[in-house]
PDB file of N, CA and C in Angstrom:
ATOM      1  N   MET A   1       1.020  20.325  -5.643  1.00  0.00           N
ATOM      2  CA  MET A   1      -0.026  19.633  -5.190  1.00  0.00           C
ATOM      3  C   MET A   1       0.223  18.453  -4.197  1.00  0.00           C
ATOM      4  N   SER A   2       1.210  17.634  -4.351  1.00  0.00           N
ATOM      5  CA  SER A   2       1.185  16.625  -3.518  1.00  0.00           C
ATOM      6  C   SER A   2       2.810  16.341  -3.042  1.00  0.00           C
ATOM      7  N   SER A   3       3.445  17.573  -2.933  1.00  0.00           N
ATOM      8  CA  SER A   3       4.739  17.277  -2.443  1.00  0.00           C
ATOM      9  C   SER A   3       5.120  16.754  -1.048  1.00  0.00           C
ATOM     10  N   HIS A   4       4.077  17.166  -0.124  1.00  0.00           N
ATOM     11  CA  HIS A   4       4.219  16.641   1.093  1.00  0.00           C
ATOM     12  C   HIS A   4       3.875  14.884   1.011  1.00  0.00           C
ATOM     13  N   ILE A   5       3.197  14.386   0.046  1.00  0.00           N
ATOM     14  CA  ILE A   5       3.123  12.932  -0.126  1.00  0.00           C
ATOM     15  C   ILE A   5       4.515  12.323  -0.728  1.00  0.00           C
ATOM     16  N   GLU A   6       4.999  12.962  -1.537  1.00  0.00           N
ATOM     17  CA  GLU A   6       6.193  12.790  -2.162  1.00  0.00           C
ATOM     18  C   GLU A   6       7.432  12.794  -0.956  1.00  0.00           C
ATOM     19  N   ARG A   7       7.630  13.766  -0.303  1.00  0.00           N
ATOM     20  CA  ARG A   7       8.487  13.858   0.812  1.00  0.00           C
ATOM     21  C   ARG A   7       8.273  12.633   1.589  1.00  0.00           C
ATOM     22  N   LEU A   8       6.965  12.484   1.929  1.00  0.00           N
ATOM     23  CA  LEU A   8       6.633  11.279   2.930  1.00  0.00           C
ATOM     24  C   LEU A   8       7.174   9.958   2.455  1.00  0.00           C
ATOM     25  N   MET A   9       6.928   9.844   1.146  1.00  0.00           N
ATOM     26  CA  MET A   9       7.370   8.458   0.405  1.00  0.00           C
ATOM     27  C   MET A   9       9.001   8.343   0.493  1.00  0.00           C
ATOM     28  N   VAL A  10       9.513   9.482   0.222  1.00  0.00           N
ATOM     29  CA  VAL A  10      11.030   9.495   0.208  1.00  0.00           C
ATOM     30  C   VAL A  10      11.599   9.314   1.789  1.00  0.00           C
ATOM     31  N   ARG A  11      11.090  10.194   2.529  1.00  0.00           N
ATOM     32  CA  ARG A  11      11.574  10.198   3.877  1.00  0.00           C
ATOM     33  C   ARG A  11      11.555   8.868   4.543  1.00  0.00           C
ATOM     34  N   SER A  12      10.260   8.024   4.444  1.00  0.00           N
ATOM     35  CA  SER A  12       9.970   6.922   4.968  1.00  0.00           C
ATOM     36  C   SER A  12      11.033   5.786   4.469  1.00  0.00           C
ATOM     37  N   HIS A  13      11.394   5.905   3.022  1.00  0.00           N
ATOM     38  CA  HIS A  13      12.121   4.997   2.437  1.00  0.00           C
ATOM     39  C   HIS A  13      13.540   5.090   2.965  1.00  0.00           C
ATOM     40  N   ASP A  14      14.045   6.347   3.029  1.00  0.00           N
ATOM     41  CA  ASP A  14      15.384   6.564   3.462  1.00  0.00           C
ATOM     42  C   ASP A  14      15.464   6.221   5.024  1.00  0.00           C
ATOM     43  N   GLU A  15      14.746   6.307   5.866  1.00  0.00           N
ATOM     44  CA  GLU A  15      14.475   6.034   7.196  1.00  0.00           C
ATOM     45  C   GLU A  15      14.556   4.367   7.606  1.00  0.00           C
ATOM     46  N   ARG A  16      14.127   3.749   6.590  1.00  0.00           N
ATOM     47  CA  ARG A  16      14.043   2.256   6.876  1.00  0.00           C
ATOM     48  C   ARG A  16      15.112   1.691   5.987  1.00  0.00           C
ATOM     49  N   GLU A  17      15.644   0.669   6.861  1.00  0.00           N
ATOM     50  CA  GLU A  17      16.902  -0.095   6.370  1.00  0.00           C
ATOM     51  C   GLU A  17      16.631  -0.457   4.981  1.00  0.00           C
ATOM     52  N   ASN A  18      15.598  -0.972   4.480  1.00  0.00           N
ATOM     53  CA  ASN A  18      15.371  -1.566   3.231  1.00  0.00           C
ATOM     54  C   ASN A  18      14.203  -0.977   2.635  1.00  0.00           C
ATOM     55  N   GLY A  19      13.999   0.160   2.911  1.00  0.00           N
ATOM     56  CA  GLY A  19      12.775   0.952   2.369  1.00  0.00           C
ATOM     57  C   GLY A  19      11.500   0.408   2.762  1.00  0.00           C
ATOM     58  N   TRP A  20      10.412   0.764   2.066  1.00  0.00           N
ATOM     59  CA  TRP A  20       8.902   0.419   2.372  1.00  0.00           C
ATOM     60  C   TRP A  20       8.798  -1.393   2.272  1.00  0.00           C
ATOM     61  N   CYS A  21       7.840  -1.727   2.988  1.00  0.00           N
ATOM     62  CA  CYS A  21       7.810  -3.109   2.945  1.00  0.00           C
ATOM     63  C   CYS A  21       7.748  -3.864   1.771  1.00  0.00           C
ATOM     64  N   LYS A  22       8.347  -4.995   1.733  1.00  0.00           N
ATOM     65  CA  LYS A  22       8.586  -5.831   0.786  1.00  0.00           C
ATOM     66  C   LYS A  22       7.514  -7.215   0.826  1.00  0.00           C
ATOM     67  N   THR A  23       6.861  -7.518  -0.222  1.00  0.00           N
ATOM     68  CA  THR A  23       5.883  -8.629  -0.368  1.00  0.00           C
ATOM     69  C   THR A  23       6.268  -9.360  -1.556  1.00  0.00           C
ATOM     70  N   THR A  24       5.565 -10.569  -1.785  1.00  0.00           N
ATOM     71  CA  THR A  24       5.743 -11.422  -2.782  1.00  0.00           C
ATOM     72  C   THR A  24       4.506 -11.847  -3.495  1.00  0.00           C
ATOM     73  N   ASN A  25       4.287 -12.304  -4.476  1.00  0.00           N
ATOM     74  CA  ASN A  25       2.903 -12.677  -4.883  1.00  0.00           C
ATOM     75  C   ASN A  25       3.113 -14.322  -4.780  1.00  0.00           C
ATOM     76  N   ALA A  26       2.617 -14.549  -3.447  1.00  0.00           N
ATOM     77  CA  ALA A  26       2.722 -16.048  -2.877  1.00  0.00           C
ATOM     78  C   ALA A  26       2.020 -16.945  -3.451  1.00  0.00           C
ATOM     79  N   LEU A  27       0.956 -16.573  -4.229  1.00  0.00           N
ATOM     80  CA  LEU A  27      -0.067 -17.410  -4.810  1.00  0.00           C
ATOM     81  C   LEU A  27       0.591 -18.347  -6.040  1.00  0.00           C
ATOM     82  N   ASP A  28       1.833 -17.718  -6.439  1.00  0.00           N
ATOM     83  CA  ASP A  28       2.319 -18.509  -7.562  1.00  0.00           C
ATOM     84  C   ASP A  28       3.894 -18.679  -7.239  1.00  0.00           C
ATOM     85  N   PRO A  29       4.070 -19.681  -6.656  1.00  0.00           N
ATOM     86  CA  PRO A  29       5.601 -20.024  -6.160  1.00  0.00           C
ATOM     87  C   PRO A  29       6.604 -20.230  -7.236  1.00  0.00           C
ATOM     88  N   ASN A  30       6.006 -20.491  -8.312  1.00  0.00           N
ATOM     89  CA  ASN A  30       7.003 -20.602  -9.465  1.00  0.00           C
ATOM     90  C   ASN A  30       7.314 -19.332 -10.273  1.00  0.00           C
ATOM     91  N   ASN A  31       6.624 -18.380  -9.972  1.00  0.00           N
ATOM     92  CA  ASN A  31       6.712 -17.054 -10.660  1.00  0.00           C
ATOM     93  C   ASN A  31       6.756 -15.895  -9.471  1.00  0.00           C
ATOM     94  N   GLN A  32       7.713 -16.015  -8.594  1.00  0.00           N
ATOM     95  CA  GLN A  32       7.774 -14.817  -7.469  1.00  0.00           C
ATOM     96  C   GLN A  32       8.176 -13.611  -8.029  1.00  0.00           C
ATOM     97  N   LYS A  33       7.330 -12.629  -7.652  1.00  0.00           N
ATOM     98  CA  LYS A  33       7.717 -11.147  -8.054  1.00  0.00           C
ATOM     99  C   LYS A  33       7.779 -10.477  -6.635  1.00  0.00           C
ATOM    100  N   ILE A  34       8.749  -9.553  -6.602  1.00  0.00           N
ATOM    101  CA  ILE A  34       8.803  -8.721  -5.250  1.00  0.00           C
ATOM    102  C   ILE A  34       7.970  -7.391  -5.473  1.00  0.00           C
ATOM    103  N   TYR A  35       7.373  -7.013  -4.634  1.00  0.00           N
ATOM    104  CA  TYR A  35       6.334  -5.919  -4.658  1.00  0.00           C
ATOM    105  C   TYR A  35       6.843  -5.058  -3.492  1.00  0.00           C
ATOM    106  N   ARG A  36       6.461  -3.776  -3.496  1.00  0.00           N
ATOM    107  CA  ARG A  36       6.645  -2.989  -2.388  1.00  0.00           C
ATOM    108  C   ARG A  36       5.180  -2.318  -1.909  1.00  0.00           C
ATOM    109  N   SER A  37       4.963  -2.254  -0.587  1.00  0.00           N
ATOM    110  CA  SER A  37       3.647  -1.773  -0.209  1.00  0.00           C
ATOM    111  C   SER A  37       3.812  -0.589   0.520  1.00  0.00           C
ATOM    112  N   ILE A  38       3.117   0.535   0.175  1.00  0.00           N
ATOM    113  CA  ILE A  38       3.200   2.032   0.673  1.00  0.00           C
ATOM    114  C   ILE A  38       1.982   2.153   1.147  1.00  0.00           C
ATOM    115  N   LYS A  39       1.881   2.426   2.385  1.00  0.00           N
ATOM    116  CA  LYS A  39       0.410   2.763   3.004  1.00  0.00           C
ATOM    117  C   LYS A  39       0.639   4.126   3.671  1.00  0.00           C
ATOM    118  N   ILE A  40      -0.347   5.207   3.316  1.00  0.00           N
ATOM    119  CA  ILE A  40      -0.245   6.287   3.901  1.00  0.00           C
ATOM    120  C   ILE A  40      -1.417   6.518   4.568  1.00  0.00           C
ATOM    121  N   GLY A  41      -1.795   6.920   5.674  1.00  0.00           N
ATOM    122  CA  GLY A  41      -3.210   7.505   6.270  1.00  0.00           C
ATOM    123  C   GLY A  41      -2.960   7.301   7.873  1.00  0.00           C
ATOM    124  N   ASN A  42      -4.075   7.082   8.446  1.00  0.00           N
ATOM    125  CA  ASN A  42      -4.204   7.354  10.079  1.00  0.00           C
ATOM    126  C   ASN A  42      -4.979   6.106  10.627  1.00  0.00           C
ATOM    127  N   VAL A  43      -4.750   5.884  11.976  1.00  0.00           N
ATOM    128  CA  VAL A  43      -5.336   4.884  12.659  1.00  0.00           C
ATOM    129  C   VAL A  43      -6.130   5.611  13.669  1.00  0.00           C
ATOM    130  N   MET A  44      -6.975   5.044  14.163  1.00  0.00           N
ATOM    131  CA  MET A  44      -7.786   5.594  15.566  1.00  0.00           C
ATOM    132  C   MET A  44      -6.806   5.938  16.656  1.00  0.00           C
ATOM    133  N   ASN A  45      -7.249   7.243  17.096  1.00  0.00           N
ATOM    134  CA  ASN A  45      -6.372   7.677  18.174  1.00  0.00           C
ATOM    135  C   ASN A  45      -6.985   7.328  19.607  1.00  0.00           C
ATOM    136  N   CYS A  46      -6.557   7.767  20.650  1.00  0.00           N
ATOM    137  CA  CYS A  46      -7.121   7.272  22.021  1.00  0.00           C
ATOM    138  C   CYS A  46      -8.185   7.860  22.457  1.00  0.00           C
ATOM    139  N   ASN A  47      -8.936   8.901  21.639  1.00  0.00           N
ATOM    140  CA  ASN A  47     -10.198   9.371  21.892  1.00  0.00           C
ATOM    141  C   ASN A  47     -11.373   8.727  20.795  1.00  0.00           C
ATOM    142  N   GLY A  48     -10.688   7.762  20.100  1.00  0.00           N
ATOM    143  CA  GLY A  48     -11.569   6.971  19.157  1.00  0.00           C
ATOM    144  C   GLY A  48     -12.010   7.830  17.716  1.00  0.00           C
ATOM    145  N   GLU A  49     -11.071   8.758  17.467  1.00  0.00           N
ATOM    146  CA  GLU A  49     -11.135   9.497  16.187  1.00  0.00           C
ATOM    147  C   GLU A  49     -10.120   9.077  15.386  1.00  0.00           C
ATOM    148  N   ILE A  50     -10.694   9.128  13.961  1.00  0.00           N
ATOM    149  CA  ILE A  50      -9.683   8.730  13.011  1.00  0.00           C
ATOM    150  C   ILE A  50      -9.732  10.157  11.995  1.00  0.00           C
ATOM    151  N   ILE A  51      -8.382  10.785  11.874  1.00  0.00           N
ATOM    152  CA  ILE A  51      -8.176  11.890  10.868  1.00  0.00           C
ATOM    153  C   ILE A  51      -8.276  11.296   9.466  1.00  0.00           C
ATOM    154  N   ARG A  52      -9.291  11.748   8.957  1.00  0.00           N
ATOM    155  CA  ARG A  52      -9.480  11.367   7.299  1.00  0.00           C
ATOM    156  C   ARG A  52      -8.954  12.406   6.387  1.00  0.00           C
ATOM    157  N   ASP A  53      -8.154  12.029   5.566  1.00  0.00           N
ATOM    158  CA  ASP A  53      -7.685  12.984   4.548  1.00  0.00           C
ATOM    159  C   ASP A  53      -8.284  12.435   3.127  1.00  0.00           C
ATOM    160  N   HIS A  54      -9.295  12.832   2.664  1.00  0.00           N
ATOM    161  CA  HIS A  54      -9.842  12.127   1.402  1.00  0.00           C
ATOM    162  C   HIS A  54      -9.384  12.752   0.379  1.00  0.00           C
ATOM    163  N   THR A  55      -8.121  13.396   0.262  1.00  0.00           N
ATOM    164  CA  THR A  55      -7.589  13.685  -0.894  1.00  0.00           C
ATOM    165  C   THR A  55      -6.213  12.927  -1.329  1.00  0.00           C
ATOM    166  N   THR A  56      -5.607  12.143  -0.363  1.00  0.00           N
ATOM    167  CA  THR A  56      -4.408  11.293  -0.339  1.00  0.00           C
ATOM    168  C   THR A  56      -4.567  10.253  -1.718  1.00  0.00           C
ATOM    169  N   TYR A  57      -5.674   9.587  -1.745  1.00  0.00           N
ATOM    170  CA  TYR A  57      -5.678   8.828  -2.989  1.00  0.00           C
ATOM    171  C   TYR A  57      -5.417   9.593  -4.292  1.00  0.00           C
ATOM    172  N   GLY A  58      -6.157  10.773  -4.456  1.00  0.00           N
ATOM    173  CA  GLY A  58      -6.164  11.469  -5.861  1.00  0.00           C
ATOM    174  C   GLY A  58      -4.357  12.205  -5.851  1.00  0.00           C
ATOM    175  N   GLN A  59      -4.041  12.449  -4.706  1.00  0.00           N
ATOM    176  CA  GLN A  59      -2.591  12.960  -4.612  1.00  0.00           C
ATOM    177  C   GLN A  59      -1.429  11.732  -5.065  1.00  0.00           C
ATOM    178  N   ILE A  60      -1.672  10.866  -4.524  1.00  0.00           N
ATOM    179  CA  ILE A  60      -0.771   9.444  -4.962  1.00  0.00           C
ATOM    180  C   ILE A  60      -1.107   9.087  -6.565  1.00  0.00           C
ATOM    181  N   LYS A  61      -2.316   9.225  -6.952  1.00  0.00           N
ATOM    182  CA  LYS A  61      -2.452   8.745  -8.310  1.00  0.00           C
ATOM    183  C   LYS A  61      -1.927   9.913  -9.215  1.00  0.00           C
ATOM    184  N   TYR A  62      -1.977  11.123  -8.569  1.00  0.00           N
ATOM    185  CA  TYR A  62      -1.265  12.524  -9.369  1.00  0.00           C
ATOM    186  C   TYR A  62       0.327  11.992  -9.364  1.00  0.00           C
ATOM    187  N   ILE A  63       0.885  11.612  -8.520  1.00  0.00           N
ATOM    188  CA  ILE A  63       2.468  11.332  -8.322  1.00  0.00           C
ATOM    189  C   ILE A  63       2.644  10.327  -9.442  1.00  0.00           C
ATOM    190  N   LEU A  64       1.864   9.087  -9.434  1.00  0.00           N
ATOM    191  CA  LEU A  64       2.122   8.088 -10.225  1.00  0.00           C
ATOM    192  C   LEU A  64       2.049   8.571 -11.783  1.00  0.00           C
ATOM    193  N   ASP A  65       1.035   9.299 -12.064  1.00  0.00           N
ATOM    194  CA  ASP A  65       1.091  10.090 -13.401  1.00  0.00           C
ATOM    195  C   ASP A  65       2.114  10.661 -13.939  1.00  0.00           C
ATOM    196  N   LYS A  66       2.608  11.869 -12.742  1.00  0.00           N
ATOM    197  CA  LYS A  66       3.555  12.577 -12.982  1.00  0.00           C
ATOM    198  C   LYS A  66       4.900  11.853 -13.443  1.00  0.00           C
ATOM    199  N   TYR A  67       5.151  10.878 -12.647  1.00  0.00           N
ATOM    200  CA  TYR A  67       6.349  10.105 -12.770  1.00  0.00           C
ATOM    201  C   TYR A  67       6.085   8.813 -13.901  1.00  0.00           C
ATOM    202  N   ASN A  68       4.941   8.917 -14.713  1.00  0.00           N
ATOM    203  CA  ASN A  68       4.858   7.736 -15.514  1.00  0.00           C
ATOM    204  C   ASN A  68       4.895   6.238 -14.959  1.00  0.00           C
ATOM    205  N   ILE A  69       4.353   5.919 -13.661  1.00  0.00           N
ATOM    206  CA  ILE A  69       4.470   4.793 -13.014  1.00  0.00           C
ATOM    207  C   ILE A  69       3.153   4.256 -12.851  1.00  0.00           C
ATOM    208  N   GLU A  70       2.988   2.840 -13.109  1.00  0.00           N
ATOM    209  CA  GLU A  70       1.814   2.057 -13.499  1.00  0.00           C
ATOM    210  C   GLU A  70       1.825   1.342 -12.047  1.00  0.00           C
ATOM    211  N   ALA A  71       0.818   1.574 -11.255  1.00  0.00           N
ATOM    212  CA  ALA A  71       0.769   0.701 -10.082  1.00  0.00           C
ATOM    213  C   ALA A  71       0.008  -0.509 -10.427  1.00  0.00           C
ATOM    214  N   GLU A  72       0.480  -1.307  -9.569  1.00  0.00           N
ATOM    215  CA  GLU A  72       0.303  -3.012  -9.514  1.00  0.00           C
ATOM    216  C   GLU A  72      -1.262  -2.822  -8.842  1.00  0.00           C
ATOM    217  N   GLU A  73      -1.354  -1.950  -7.830  1.00  0.00           N
ATOM    218  CA  GLU A  73      -2.787  -1.823  -6.908  1.00  0.00           C
ATOM    219  C   GLU A  73      -2.618  -0.686  -6.426  1.00  0.00           C
ATOM    220  N   LEU A  74      -3.769   0.229  -6.365  1.00  0.00           N
ATOM    221  CA  LEU A  74      -3.919   1.463  -5.555  1.00  0.00           C
ATOM    222  C   LEU A  74      -5.348   1.348  -5.029  1.00  0.00           C
ATOM    223  N   LYS A  75      -5.365   1.233  -3.731  1.00  0.00           N
ATOM    224  CA  LYS A  75      -6.753   1.213  -3.038  1.00  0.00           C
ATOM    225  C   LYS A  75      -6.877   1.877  -1.803  1.00  0.00           C
ATOM    226  N   GLN A  76      -8.342   2.413  -1.582  1.00  0.00           N
ATOM    227  CA  GLN A  76      -8.594   3.074  -0.512  1.00  0.00           C
ATOM    228  C   GLN A  76      -8.949   2.073   0.536  1.00  0.00           C
ATOM    229  N   ILE A  77      -8.375   2.374   1.679  1.00  0.00           N
ATOM    230  CA  ILE A  77      -8.849   1.441   2.984  1.00  0.00           C
ATOM    231  C   ILE A  77      -9.475   2.215   3.848  1.00  0.00           C
ATOM    232  N   GLU A  78     -10.825   1.819   4.165  1.00  0.00           N
ATOM    233  CA  GLU A  78     -11.713   2.651   5.199  1.00  0.00           C
ATOM    234  C   GLU A  78     -12.106   1.295   5.981  1.00  0.00           C
ATOM    235  N   GLU A  79     -11.708   1.357   7.246  1.00  0.00           N
ATOM    236  CA  GLU A  79     -11.961   0.411   8.122  1.00  0.00           C
ATOM    237  C   GLU A  79     -12.517   1.069   9.444  1.00  0.00           C
ATOM    238  N   LYS A  80     -12.800   0.267  10.415  1.00  0.00           N
ATOM    239  CA  LYS A  80     -13.353   0.872  11.727  1.00  0.00           C
ATOM    240  C   LYS A  80     -12.243   1.676  12.507  1.00  0.00           C
ATOM    241  N   THR A  81     -10.974   1.259  12.503  1.00  0.00           N
ATOM    242  CA  THR A  81      -9.949   1.812  13.170  1.00  0.00           C
ATOM    243  C   THR A  81      -8.905   2.450  12.393  1.00  0.00           C
ATOM    244  N   GLU A  82      -9.077   2.281  10.809  1.00  0.00           N
ATOM    245  CA  GLU A  82      -8.290   2.931   9.897  1.00  0.00           C
ATOM    246  C   GLU A  82      -8.522   3.646   8.779  1.00  0.00           C
ATOM    247  N   HIS A  83      -7.941   4.798   8.224  1.00  0.00           N
ATOM    248  CA  HIS A  83      -8.326   5.229   7.030  1.00  0.00           C
ATOM    249  C   HIS A  83      -6.899   5.636   6.428  1.00  0.00           C
ATOM    250  N   ALA A  84      -6.792   4.842   5.139  1.00  0.00           N
ATOM    251  CA  ALA A  84      -5.509   4.970   4.493  1.00  0.00           C
ATOM    252  C   ALA A  84      -5.625   4.574   2.948  1.00  0.00           C
ATOM    253  N   VAL A  85      -4.587   5.012   2.344  1.00  0.00           N
ATOM    254  CA  VAL A  85      -4.337   4.501   1.162  1.00  0.00           C
ATOM    255  C   VAL A  85      -3.241   3.789   0.818  1.00  0.00           C
ATOM    256  N   GLU A  86      -3.478   2.367   0.166  1.00  0.00           N
ATOM    257  CA  GLU A  86      -2.324   1.553   0.065  1.00  0.00           C
ATOM    258  C   GLU A  86      -1.894   1.424  -1.335  1.00  0.00           C
ATOM    259  N   LEU A  87      -0.511   1.719  -1.817  1.00  0.00           N
ATOM    260  CA  LEU A  87       0.028   1.568  -2.985  1.00  0.00           C
ATOM    261  C   LEU A  87       0.941   0.379  -3.234  1.00  0.00           C
ATOM    262  N   LYS A  88       0.674  -0.538  -4.164  1.00  0.00           N
ATOM    263  CA  LYS A  88       1.476  -1.814  -4.366  1.00  0.00           C
ATOM    264  C   LYS A  88       2.072  -1.540  -5.746  1.00  0.00           C
ATOM    265  N   LEU A  89       3.457  -1.939  -5.719  1.00  0.00           N
ATOM    266  CA  LEU A  89       4.406  -1.471  -6.945  1.00  0.00           C
ATOM    267  C   LEU A  89       5.296  -2.484  -6.950  1.00  0.00           C
ATOM    268  N   GLN A  90       5.446  -3.087  -8.366  1.00  0.00           N
ATOM    269  CA  GLN A  90       6.653  -4.043  -8.536  1.00  0.00           C
ATOM    270  C   GLN A  90       8.182  -3.387  -8.021  1.00  0.00           C
ATOM    271  N   GLU A  91       8.783  -4.123  -7.701  1.00  0.00           N
ATOM    272  CA  GLU A  91      10.145  -3.605  -7.156  1.00  0.00           C
ATOM    273  C   GLU A  91      10.827  -2.785  -8.238  1.00  0.00           C
ATOM    274  N   GLU A  92      10.825  -3.026  -9.452  1.00  0.00           N
ATOM    275  CA  GLU A  92      11.457  -1.872 -10.462  1.00  0.00           C
ATOM    276  C   GLU A  92      10.843  -0.708 -10.514  1.00  0.00           C
ATOM    277  N   LYS A  93       9.396  -0.750 -10.358  1.00  0.00           N
ATOM    278  CA  LYS A  93       8.805   0.563 -10.358  1.00  0.00           C
ATOM    279  C   LYS A  93       8.787   1.387  -9.315  1.00  0.00           C
ATOM    280  N   TYR A  94       8.827   0.655  -8.078  1.00  0.00           N
ATOM    281  CA  TYR A  94       9.160   1.259  -6.825  1.00  0.00           C
ATOM    282  C   TYR A  94      10.561   2.166  -6.931  1.00  0.00           C
ATOM    283  N   ASN A  95      11.565   1.450  -7.142  1.00  0.00           N
ATOM    284  CA  ASN A  95      12.965   2.176  -7.547  1.00  0.00           C
ATOM    285  C   ASN A  95      12.861   3.173  -8.255  1.00  0.00           C
ATOM    286  N   MET A  96      12.056   3.045  -9.472  1.00  0.00           N
ATOM    287  CA  MET A  96      11.935   4.293 -10.480  1.00  0.00           C
ATOM    288  C   MET A  96      11.318   5.330  -9.716  1.00  0.00           C
ATOM    289  N   LEU A  97      10.157   4.933  -8.944  1.00  0.00           N
ATOM    290  CA  LEU A  97       9.602   5.992  -8.376  1.00  0.00           C
ATOM    291  C   LEU A  97      10.197   6.894  -7.347  1.00  0.00           C
ATOM    292  N   ILE A  98      10.913   6.131  -6.498  1.00  0.00           N
ATOM    293  CA  ILE A  98      11.891   6.620  -5.402  1.00  0.00           C
ATOM    294  C   ILE A  98      13.027   7.806  -6.063  1.00  0.00           C
ATOM    295  N   THR A  99      13.705   7.139  -7.083  1.00  0.00           N
ATOM    296  CA  THR A  99      14.625   7.587  -7.859  1.00  0.00           C
ATOM    297  C   THR A  99      14.070   8.733  -8.510  1.00  0.00           C
ATOM    298  N   SER A 100      12.931   8.985  -9.357  1.00  0.00           N
ATOM    299  CA  SER A 100      12.521  10.101  -9.885  1.00  0.00           C
ATOM    300  C   SER A 100      12.058  11.147  -8.734  1.00  0.00           C
ATOM    301  N   ILE A 101      11.510  10.963  -7.741  1.00  0.00           N
ATOM    302  CA  ILE A 101      11.120  11.954  -6.719  1.00  0.00           C
ATOM    303  C   ILE A 101      12.416  12.506  -6.101  1.00  0.00           C
ATOM    304  N   LYS A 102      13.170  11.674  -5.945  1.00  0.00           N
ATOM    305  CA  LYS A 102      14.469  12.223  -5.532  1.00  0.00           C
ATOM    306  C   LYS A 102      15.441  13.090  -6.358  1.00  0.00           C
ATOM    307  N   SER A 103      15.199  12.920  -7.506  1.00  0.00           N
ATOM    308  CA  SER A 103      15.961  13.569  -8.604  1.00  0.00           C
ATOM    309  C   SER A 103      15.173  15.043  -9.080  1.00  0.00           C
ATOM    310  N   ASN A 104      13.854  15.129  -8.603  1.00  0.00           N
ATOM    311  CA  ASN A 104      12.960  16.174  -8.988  1.00  0.00           C
ATOM    312  C   ASN A 104      13.333  17.508  -8.195  1.00  0.00           C
TER     313      ASN A 104
END
């Protein structure tokens, strides 16, 4: 069902020196946790069009369920120039997800 999303997650992880984007919970400086942000979608092209795949959210949810990974945040982004889904995972869960996909 979502193998192309899994391939995209792993390929983008492997192509980047440190994997997907790292962030922290900057609101609490005494309890910093590292998160990974995975964003999959499209931005407006030169013709002013945005390709919208309304199945991406469900496919990512399916992948998380398949590997028993609980997301910190999973949200649909629908803006004037972008249509995407953003997944936020704690560092440990991110590593578990990538390892699980690679070993499958």
